[in-house]
PDB file of all heavy atoms in Angstrom:
ATOM      1  N   ILE A   1       0.817  -1.188  -0.004  1.00  0.00           N
ATOM      2  CA  ILE A   1      -0.013  -0.010   0.001  1.00  0.00           C
ATOM      3  C   ILE A   1       0.866   1.249  -0.023  1.00  0.00           C
ATOM      4  O   ILE A   1       1.842   1.347   0.787  1.00  0.00           O
ATOM      5  CB  ILE A   1      -0.910   0.030   1.229  1.00  0.00           C
ATOM      6  CG1 ILE A   1      -1.703  -1.289   1.342  1.00  0.00           C
ATOM      7  CG2 ILE A   1      -1.851   1.223   1.190  1.00  0.00           C
ATOM      8  CD1 ILE A   1      -2.586  -1.530   0.168  1.00  0.00           C
ATOM      9  N   ASP A   2       0.507   2.217  -0.863  1.00  0.00           N
ATOM     10  CA  ASP A   2       1.239   3.519  -0.949  1.00  0.00           C
ATOM     11  C   ASP A   2       0.521   4.650  -0.303  1.00  0.00           C
ATOM     12  O   ASP A   2       1.238   5.666   0.016  1.00  0.00           O
ATOM     13  CB  ASP A   2       1.543   3.848  -2.413  1.00  0.00           C
ATOM     14  CG  ASP A   2       2.519   2.909  -3.089  1.00  0.00           C
ATOM     15  OD1 ASP A   2       3.488   2.538  -2.377  1.00  0.00           O
ATOM     16  OD2 ASP A   2       2.314   2.564  -4.239  1.00  0.00           O
ATOM     17  N   ASN A   3      -0.799   4.522  -0.050  1.00  0.00           N
ATOM     18  CA  ASN A   3      -1.535   5.643   0.629  1.00  0.00           C
ATOM     19  C   ASN A   3      -2.817   5.122   1.164  1.00  0.00           C
ATOM     20  O   ASN A   3      -3.191   3.941   0.902  1.00  0.00           O
ATOM     21  CB  ASN A   3      -1.830   6.779  -0.373  1.00  0.00           C
ATOM     22  CG  ASN A   3      -2.463   6.269  -1.666  1.00  0.00           C
ATOM     23  OD1 ASN A   3      -3.536   5.813  -1.620  1.00  0.00           O
ATOM     24  ND2 ASN A   3      -1.765   6.402  -2.760  1.00  0.00           N
ATOM     25  N   VAL A   4      -3.535   5.911   1.970  1.00  0.00           N
ATOM     26  CA  VAL A   4      -4.699   5.439   2.701  1.00  0.00           C
ATOM     27  C   VAL A   4      -5.879   5.205   1.696  1.00  0.00           C
ATOM     28  O   VAL A   4      -6.727   4.324   1.903  1.00  0.00           O
ATOM     29  CB  VAL A   4      -5.186   6.433   3.763  1.00  0.00           C
ATOM     30  CG1 VAL A   4      -4.148   6.447   4.901  1.00  0.00           C
ATOM     31  CG2 VAL A   4      -5.397   7.808   3.197  1.00  0.00           C
ATOM     32  N   ASP A   5      -5.895   5.939   0.577  1.00  0.00           N
ATOM     33  CA  ASP A   5      -6.944   5.659  -0.434  1.00  0.00           C
ATOM     34  C   ASP A   5      -6.785   4.335  -1.028  1.00  0.00           C
ATOM     35  O   ASP A   5      -7.800   3.574  -1.249  1.00  0.00           O
ATOM     36  CB  ASP A   5      -6.886   6.756  -1.573  1.00  0.00           C
ATOM     37  CG  ASP A   5      -7.326   8.124  -1.061  1.00  0.00           C
ATOM     38  OD1 ASP A   5      -8.202   8.139  -0.091  1.00  0.00           O
ATOM     39  OD2 ASP A   5      -6.970   9.175  -1.601  1.00  0.00           O
ATOM     40  N   GLN A   6      -5.552   3.944  -1.333  1.00  0.00           N
ATOM     41  CA  GLN A   6      -5.300   2.593  -1.857  1.00  0.00           C
ATOM     42  C   GLN A   6      -5.610   1.488  -0.781  1.00  0.00           C
ATOM     43  O   GLN A   6      -6.110   0.517  -1.114  1.00  0.00           O
ATOM     44  CB  GLN A   6      -3.863   2.452  -2.264  1.00  0.00           C
ATOM     45  CG  GLN A   6      -3.549   1.108  -2.930  1.00  0.00           C
ATOM     46  CD  GLN A   6      -2.119   0.905  -3.332  1.00  0.00           C
ATOM     47  OE1 GLN A   6      -1.243   1.800  -3.060  1.00  0.00           O
ATOM     48  NE2 GLN A   6      -1.750  -0.214  -3.902  1.00  0.00           N
ATOM     49  N   LEU A   7      -5.362   1.884   0.434  1.00  0.00           N
ATOM     50  CA  LEU A   7      -5.687   0.936   1.640  1.00  0.00           C
ATOM     51  C   LEU A   7      -7.158   0.655   1.592  1.00  0.00           C
ATOM     52  O   LEU A   7      -7.497  -0.532   1.616  1.00  0.00           O
ATOM     53  CB  LEU A   7      -5.254   1.612   2.915  1.00  0.00           C
ATOM     54  CG  LEU A   7      -5.615   0.834   4.191  1.00  0.00           C
ATOM     55  CD1 LEU A   7      -4.638  -0.267   4.447  1.00  0.00           C
ATOM     56  CD2 LEU A   7      -5.726   1.758   5.371  1.00  0.00           C
ATOM     57  N   LYS A   8      -8.009   1.674   1.505  1.00  0.00           N
ATOM     58  CA  LYS A   8      -9.425   1.435   1.512  1.00  0.00           C
ATOM     59  C   LYS A   8      -9.890   0.648   0.267  1.00  0.00           C
ATOM     60  O   LYS A   8     -10.804  -0.234   0.370  1.00  0.00           O
ATOM     61  CB  LYS A   8     -10.180   2.777   1.565  1.00  0.00           C
ATOM     62  CG  LYS A   8      -9.994   3.477   2.920  1.00  0.00           C
ATOM     63  CD  LYS A   8     -10.892   4.724   3.103  1.00  0.00           C
ATOM     64  CE  LYS A   8     -10.297   5.869   2.289  1.00  0.00           C
ATOM     65  NZ  LYS A   8     -11.050   7.156   2.531  1.00  0.00           N
ATOM     66  N   THR A   9      -9.313   0.963  -0.919  1.00  0.00           N
ATOM     67  CA  THR A   9      -9.691   0.294  -2.096  1.00  0.00           C
ATOM     68  C   THR A   9      -9.318  -1.229  -2.040  1.00  0.00           C
ATOM     69  O   THR A   9     -10.131  -2.081  -2.435  1.00  0.00           O
ATOM     70  CB  THR A   9      -8.988   0.886  -3.348  1.00  0.00           C
ATOM     71  OG1 THR A   9      -9.316   2.292  -3.416  1.00  0.00           O
ATOM     72  CG2 THR A   9      -9.305   0.197  -4.654  1.00  0.00           C
ATOM     73  N   GLU A  10      -8.091  -1.539  -1.534  1.00  0.00           N
ATOM     74  CA  GLU A  10      -7.694  -2.928  -1.467  1.00  0.00           C
ATOM     75  C   GLU A  10      -8.519  -3.703  -0.437  1.00  0.00           C
ATOM     76  O   GLU A  10      -8.784  -4.850  -0.605  1.00  0.00           O
ATOM     77  CB  GLU A  10      -6.223  -3.022  -1.083  1.00  0.00           C
ATOM     78  CG  GLU A  10      -5.268  -2.462  -2.177  1.00  0.00           C
ATOM     79  CD  GLU A  10      -5.343  -3.304  -3.454  1.00  0.00           C
ATOM     80  OE1 GLU A  10      -5.917  -4.407  -3.423  1.00  0.00           O
ATOM     81  OE2 GLU A  10      -4.723  -2.869  -4.426  1.00  0.00           O
ATOM     82  N   ILE A  11      -8.945  -3.027   0.667  1.00  0.00           N
ATOM     83  CA  ILE A  11      -9.804  -3.644   1.621  1.00  0.00           C
ATOM     84  C   ILE A  11     -11.124  -4.057   1.002  1.00  0.00           C
ATOM     85  O   ILE A  11     -11.609  -5.240   1.124  1.00  0.00           O
ATOM     86  CB  ILE A  11     -10.071  -2.780   2.888  1.00  0.00           C
ATOM     87  CG1 ILE A  11      -8.797  -2.679   3.695  1.00  0.00           C
ATOM     88  CG2 ILE A  11     -11.191  -3.341   3.718  1.00  0.00           C
ATOM     89  CD1 ILE A  11      -8.862  -1.629   4.783  1.00  0.00           C
ATOM     90  N   LEU A  12     -11.779  -3.112   0.295  1.00  0.00           N
ATOM     91  CA  LEU A  12     -13.071  -3.430  -0.369  1.00  0.00           C
ATOM     92  C   LEU A  12     -12.838  -4.540  -1.420  1.00  0.00           C
ATOM     93  O   LEU A  12     -13.708  -5.433  -1.521  1.00  0.00           O
ATOM     94  CB  LEU A  12     -13.557  -2.136  -1.036  1.00  0.00           C
ATOM     95  CG  LEU A  12     -14.027  -1.025  -0.066  1.00  0.00           C
ATOM     96  CD1 LEU A  12     -14.373   0.213  -0.825  1.00  0.00           C
ATOM     97  CD2 LEU A  12     -15.142  -1.455   0.834  1.00  0.00           C
ATOM     98  N   SER A  13     -11.773  -4.462  -2.166  1.00  0.00           N
ATOM     99  CA  SER A  13     -11.513  -5.447  -3.210  1.00  0.00           C
ATOM    100  C   SER A  13     -11.305  -6.863  -2.595  1.00  0.00           C
ATOM    101  O   SER A  13     -11.878  -7.836  -3.052  1.00  0.00           O
ATOM    102  CB  SER A  13     -10.276  -5.089  -4.012  1.00  0.00           C
ATOM    103  OG  SER A  13      -9.955  -6.083  -4.959  1.00  0.00           O
ATOM    104  N   SER A  14     -10.570  -6.942  -1.548  1.00  0.00           N
ATOM    105  CA  SER A  14     -10.227  -8.252  -0.839  1.00  0.00           C
ATOM    106  C   SER A  14     -11.520  -8.772  -0.239  1.00  0.00           C
ATOM    107  O   SER A  14     -11.783 -10.073  -0.327  1.00  0.00           O
ATOM    108  CB  SER A  14      -9.147  -8.073   0.151  1.00  0.00           C
ATOM    109  OG  SER A  14      -7.995  -7.627  -0.408  1.00  0.00           O
ATOM    110  N   LEU A  15     -12.318  -7.976   0.371  1.00  0.00           N
ATOM    111  CA  LEU A  15     -13.520  -8.438   1.000  1.00  0.00           C
ATOM    112  C   LEU A  15     -14.496  -9.002  -0.018  1.00  0.00           C
ATOM    113  O   LEU A  15     -15.124 -10.049   0.106  1.00  0.00           O
ATOM    114  CB  LEU A  15     -14.262  -7.333   1.759  1.00  0.00           C
ATOM    115  CG  LEU A  15     -13.565  -6.853   3.063  1.00  0.00           C
ATOM    116  CD1 LEU A  15     -14.358  -5.637   3.666  1.00  0.00           C
ATOM    117  CD2 LEU A  15     -13.425  -7.991   4.058  1.00  0.00           C
ATOM    118  N   MET A  16     -14.566  -8.322  -1.162  1.00  0.00           N
ATOM    119  CA  MET A  16     -15.481  -8.788  -2.291  1.00  0.00           C
ATOM    120  C   MET A  16     -14.938 -10.088  -2.810  1.00  0.00           C
ATOM    121  O   MET A  16     -15.763 -11.048  -3.081  1.00  0.00           O
ATOM    122  CB  MET A  16     -15.572  -7.764  -3.363  1.00  0.00           C
ATOM    123  CG  MET A  16     -16.506  -8.034  -4.493  1.00  0.00           C
ATOM    124  SD  MET A  16     -16.611  -6.702  -5.711  1.00  0.00           S
ATOM    125  CE  MET A  16     -17.214  -5.360  -4.732  1.00  0.00           C
ATOM    126  N   HIS A  17     -13.657 -10.215  -2.992  1.00  0.00           N
ATOM    127  CA  HIS A  17     -13.100 -11.422  -3.546  1.00  0.00           C
ATOM    128  C   HIS A  17     -13.323 -12.612  -2.618  1.00  0.00           C
ATOM    129  O   HIS A  17     -13.737 -13.697  -3.100  1.00  0.00           O
ATOM    130  CB  HIS A  17     -11.581 -11.259  -3.792  1.00  0.00           C
ATOM    131  CG  HIS A  17     -10.805 -12.507  -4.130  1.00  0.00           C
ATOM    132  ND1 HIS A  17     -10.977 -13.053  -5.431  1.00  0.00           N
ATOM    133  CD2 HIS A  17     -10.071 -13.316  -3.460  1.00  0.00           C
ATOM    134  CE1 HIS A  17     -10.220 -14.153  -5.446  1.00  0.00           C
ATOM    135  NE2 HIS A  17      -9.621 -14.362  -4.261  1.00  0.00           N
ATOM    136  N   ILE A  18     -13.100 -12.415  -1.305  1.00  0.00           N
ATOM    137  CA  ILE A  18     -13.243 -13.509  -0.359  1.00  0.00           C
ATOM    138  C   ILE A  18     -14.765 -13.919  -0.289  1.00  0.00           C
ATOM    139  O   ILE A  18     -15.067 -15.054  -0.206  1.00  0.00           O
ATOM    140  CB  ILE A  18     -12.737 -13.056   1.022  1.00  0.00           C
ATOM    141  CG1 ILE A  18     -11.177 -13.005   0.973  1.00  0.00           C
ATOM    142  CG2 ILE A  18     -13.121 -14.113   2.103  1.00  0.00           C
ATOM    143  CD1 ILE A  18     -10.552 -12.458   2.225  1.00  0.00           C
ATOM    144  N   SER A  19     -15.623 -12.896  -0.315  1.00  0.00           N
ATOM    145  CA  SER A  19     -17.070 -13.219  -0.172  1.00  0.00           C
ATOM    146  C   SER A  19     -17.527 -14.059  -1.383  1.00  0.00           C
ATOM    147  O   SER A  19     -18.440 -14.840  -1.186  1.00  0.00           O
ATOM    148  CB  SER A  19     -17.855 -11.902  -0.092  1.00  0.00           C
ATOM    149  OG  SER A  19     -17.545 -11.184   1.102  1.00  0.00           O
ATOM    150  N   LYS A  20     -16.950 -13.804  -2.533  1.00  0.00           N
ATOM    151  CA  LYS A  20     -17.372 -14.537  -3.739  1.00  0.00           C
ATOM    152  C   LYS A  20     -16.765 -15.910  -3.776  1.00  0.00           C
ATOM    153  O   LYS A  20     -17.336 -16.825  -4.409  1.00  0.00           O
ATOM    154  CB  LYS A  20     -16.997 -13.735  -5.029  1.00  0.00           C
ATOM    155  CG  LYS A  20     -17.866 -12.472  -5.201  1.00  0.00           C
ATOM    156  CD  LYS A  20     -17.448 -11.794  -6.531  1.00  0.00           C
ATOM    157  CE  LYS A  20     -18.393 -10.646  -6.796  1.00  0.00           C
ATOM    158  NZ  LYS A  20     -18.105  -9.963  -8.061  1.00  0.00           N
ATOM    159  N   THR A  21     -15.542 -16.080  -3.273  1.00  0.00           N
ATOM    160  CA  THR A  21     -14.778 -17.364  -3.458  1.00  0.00           C
ATOM    161  C   THR A  21     -14.872 -18.308  -2.285  1.00  0.00           C
ATOM    162  O   THR A  21     -14.559 -19.475  -2.365  1.00  0.00           O
ATOM    163  CB  THR A  21     -13.353 -17.052  -3.826  1.00  0.00           C
ATOM    164  OG1 THR A  21     -12.777 -16.307  -2.753  1.00  0.00           O
ATOM    165  CG2 THR A  21     -13.258 -16.314  -5.129  1.00  0.00           C
ATOM    166  N   LYS A  22     -15.308 -17.756  -1.124  1.00  0.00           N
ATOM    167  CA  LYS A  22     -15.325 -18.658   0.134  1.00  0.00           C
ATOM    168  C   LYS A  22     -16.775 -18.692   0.628  1.00  0.00           C
ATOM    169  O   LYS A  22     -17.540 -17.784   0.532  1.00  0.00           O
ATOM    170  CB  LYS A  22     -14.483 -17.984   1.237  1.00  0.00           C
ATOM    171  CG  LYS A  22     -13.049 -17.737   0.831  1.00  0.00           C
ATOM    172  CD  LYS A  22     -12.315 -19.100   0.712  1.00  0.00           C
ATOM    173  CE  LYS A  22     -10.833 -18.835   0.401  1.00  0.00           C
ATOM    174  NZ  LYS A  22     -10.077 -20.051   0.244  1.00  0.00           N
ATOM    175  N   LYS A  23     -17.125 -19.900   1.088  1.00  0.00           N
ATOM    176  CA  LYS A  23     -18.433 -20.007   1.720  1.00  0.00           C
ATOM    177  C   LYS A  23     -18.394 -19.662   3.183  1.00  0.00           C
ATOM    178  O   LYS A  23     -17.910 -20.446   4.006  1.00  0.00           O
ATOM    179  CB  LYS A  23     -18.968 -21.502   1.564  1.00  0.00           C
ATOM    180  CG  LYS A  23     -20.380 -21.709   2.044  1.00  0.00           C
ATOM    181  CD  LYS A  23     -20.908 -23.078   1.675  1.00  0.00           C
ATOM    182  CE  LYS A  23     -20.222 -24.168   2.320  1.00  0.00           C
ATOM    183  NZ  LYS A  23     -20.877 -25.470   2.144  1.00  0.00           N
ATOM    184  N   LEU A  24     -18.877 -18.481   3.513  1.00  0.00           N
ATOM    185  CA  LEU A  24     -18.744 -17.935   4.871  1.00  0.00           C
ATOM    186  C   LEU A  24     -20.093 -17.909   5.521  1.00  0.00           C
ATOM    187  O   LEU A  24     -21.135 -17.702   4.865  1.00  0.00           O
ATOM    188  CB  LEU A  24     -18.128 -16.545   4.824  1.00  0.00           C
ATOM    189  CG  LEU A  24     -16.793 -16.359   4.123  1.00  0.00           C
ATOM    190  CD1 LEU A  24     -16.386 -14.966   4.095  1.00  0.00           C
ATOM    191  CD2 LEU A  24     -15.730 -17.189   4.851  1.00  0.00           C
ATOM    192  N   SER A  25     -20.094 -18.129   6.834  1.00  0.00           N
ATOM    193  CA  SER A  25     -21.403 -18.129   7.578  1.00  0.00           C
ATOM    194  C   SER A  25     -21.949 -16.755   7.701  1.00  0.00           C
ATOM    195  O   SER A  25     -23.101 -16.482   7.397  1.00  0.00           O
ATOM    196  CB  SER A  25     -21.119 -18.745   8.978  1.00  0.00           C
ATOM    197  OG  SER A  25     -20.713 -20.072   8.838  1.00  0.00           O
ATOM    198  N   GLY A  26     -21.186 -15.783   8.183  1.00  0.00           N
ATOM    199  CA  GLY A  26     -21.640 -14.458   8.331  1.00  0.00           C
ATOM    200  C   GLY A  26     -22.721 -14.360   9.415  1.00  0.00           C
ATOM    201  O   GLY A  26     -23.009 -15.301  10.156  1.00  0.00           O
ATOM    202  N   TRP A  27     -23.378 -13.173   9.443  1.00  0.00           N
ATOM    203  CA  TRP A  27     -24.445 -12.924  10.403  1.00  0.00           C
ATOM    204  C   TRP A  27     -25.666 -12.541   9.686  1.00  0.00           C
ATOM    205  O   TRP A  27     -25.607 -11.670   8.732  1.00  0.00           O
ATOM    206  CB  TRP A  27     -23.993 -11.754  11.321  1.00  0.00           C
ATOM    207  CG  TRP A  27     -22.743 -11.983  12.088  1.00  0.00           C
ATOM    208  CD1 TRP A  27     -21.523 -12.039  11.577  1.00  0.00           C
ATOM    209  CD2 TRP A  27     -22.581 -12.313  13.459  1.00  0.00           C
ATOM    210  NE1 TRP A  27     -20.524 -12.325  12.560  1.00  0.00           N
ATOM    211  CE2 TRP A  27     -21.238 -12.527  13.714  1.00  0.00           C
ATOM    212  CE3 TRP A  27     -23.541 -12.446  14.491  1.00  0.00           C
ATOM    213  CZ2 TRP A  27     -20.743 -12.760  15.005  1.00  0.00           C
ATOM    214  CZ3 TRP A  27     -23.046 -12.718  15.724  1.00  0.00           C
ATOM    215  CH2 TRP A  27     -21.666 -12.875  16.002  1.00  0.00           C
ATOM    216  N   VAL A  28     -26.747 -13.116   9.963  1.00  0.00           N
ATOM    217  CA  VAL A  28     -28.054 -12.832   9.325  1.00  0.00           C
ATOM    218  C   VAL A  28     -29.093 -12.520  10.356  1.00  0.00           C
ATOM    219  O   VAL A  28     -29.230 -13.154  11.406  1.00  0.00           O
ATOM    220  CB  VAL A  28     -28.530 -14.079   8.533  1.00  0.00           C
ATOM    221  CG1 VAL A  28     -29.876 -13.842   7.865  1.00  0.00           C
ATOM    222  CG2 VAL A  28     -27.494 -14.495   7.424  1.00  0.00           C
ATOM    223  N   ARG A  29     -29.880 -11.394  10.121  1.00  0.00           N
ATOM    224  CA  ARG A  29     -30.987 -11.038  10.962  1.00  0.00           C
ATOM    225  C   ARG A  29     -32.154 -11.869  10.493  1.00  0.00           C
ATOM    226  O   ARG A  29     -32.685 -11.735   9.298  1.00  0.00           O
ATOM    227  CB  ARG A  29     -31.314  -9.580  10.864  1.00  0.00           C
ATOM    228  CG  ARG A  29     -32.427  -9.131  11.781  1.00  0.00           C
ATOM    229  CD  ARG A  29     -32.728  -7.699  11.545  1.00  0.00           C
ATOM    230  NE  ARG A  29     -31.662  -6.857  11.728  1.00  0.00           N
ATOM    231  CZ  ARG A  29     -31.271  -6.308  12.890  1.00  0.00           C
ATOM    232  NH1 ARG A  29     -31.953  -6.644  14.012  1.00  0.00           N
ATOM    233  NH2 ARG A  29     -30.172  -5.578  12.975  1.00  0.00           N
ATOM    234  N   ALA A  30     -32.680 -12.755  11.339  1.00  0.00           N
ATOM    235  CA  ALA A  30     -33.796 -13.639  10.913  1.00  0.00           C
ATOM    236  C   ALA A  30     -35.035 -13.250  11.786  1.00  0.00           C
ATOM    237  O   ALA A  30     -34.952 -13.211  12.972  1.00  0.00           O
ATOM    238  CB  ALA A  30     -33.475 -15.079  11.127  1.00  0.00           C
ATOM    239  N   THR A  31     -36.174 -13.109  11.109  1.00  0.00           N
ATOM    240  CA  THR A  31     -37.378 -12.876  11.864  1.00  0.00           C
ATOM    241  C   THR A  31     -38.131 -14.177  12.074  1.00  0.00           C
ATOM    242  O   THR A  31     -37.870 -15.194  11.413  1.00  0.00           O
ATOM    243  CB  THR A  31     -38.314 -11.911  11.087  1.00  0.00           C
ATOM    244  OG1 THR A  31     -38.691 -12.543   9.902  1.00  0.00           O
ATOM    245  CG2 THR A  31     -37.642 -10.580  10.743  1.00  0.00           C
ATOM    246  N   ASP A  32     -39.012 -14.146  13.086  1.00  0.00           N
ATOM    247  CA  ASP A  32     -39.801 -15.398  13.341  1.00  0.00           C
ATOM    248  C   ASP A  32     -40.572 -15.858  12.065  1.00  0.00           C
ATOM    249  O   ASP A  32     -40.668 -17.024  11.828  1.00  0.00           O
ATOM    250  CB  ASP A  32     -40.830 -15.158  14.419  1.00  0.00           C
ATOM    251  CG  ASP A  32     -40.022 -14.961  15.820  1.00  0.00           C
ATOM    252  OD1 ASP A  32     -38.862 -15.333  15.893  1.00  0.00           O
ATOM    253  OD2 ASP A  32     -40.651 -14.447  16.743  1.00  0.00           O
TER     254      ASP A  32
END
């Protein structure tokens, strides 16, 4: 990372990549 703007961009990119390629449980709000 060279600057904070790139930091934020890479975080968003990595989160999107992991969410698409990994089966994650996550947190879901479920109603009755």
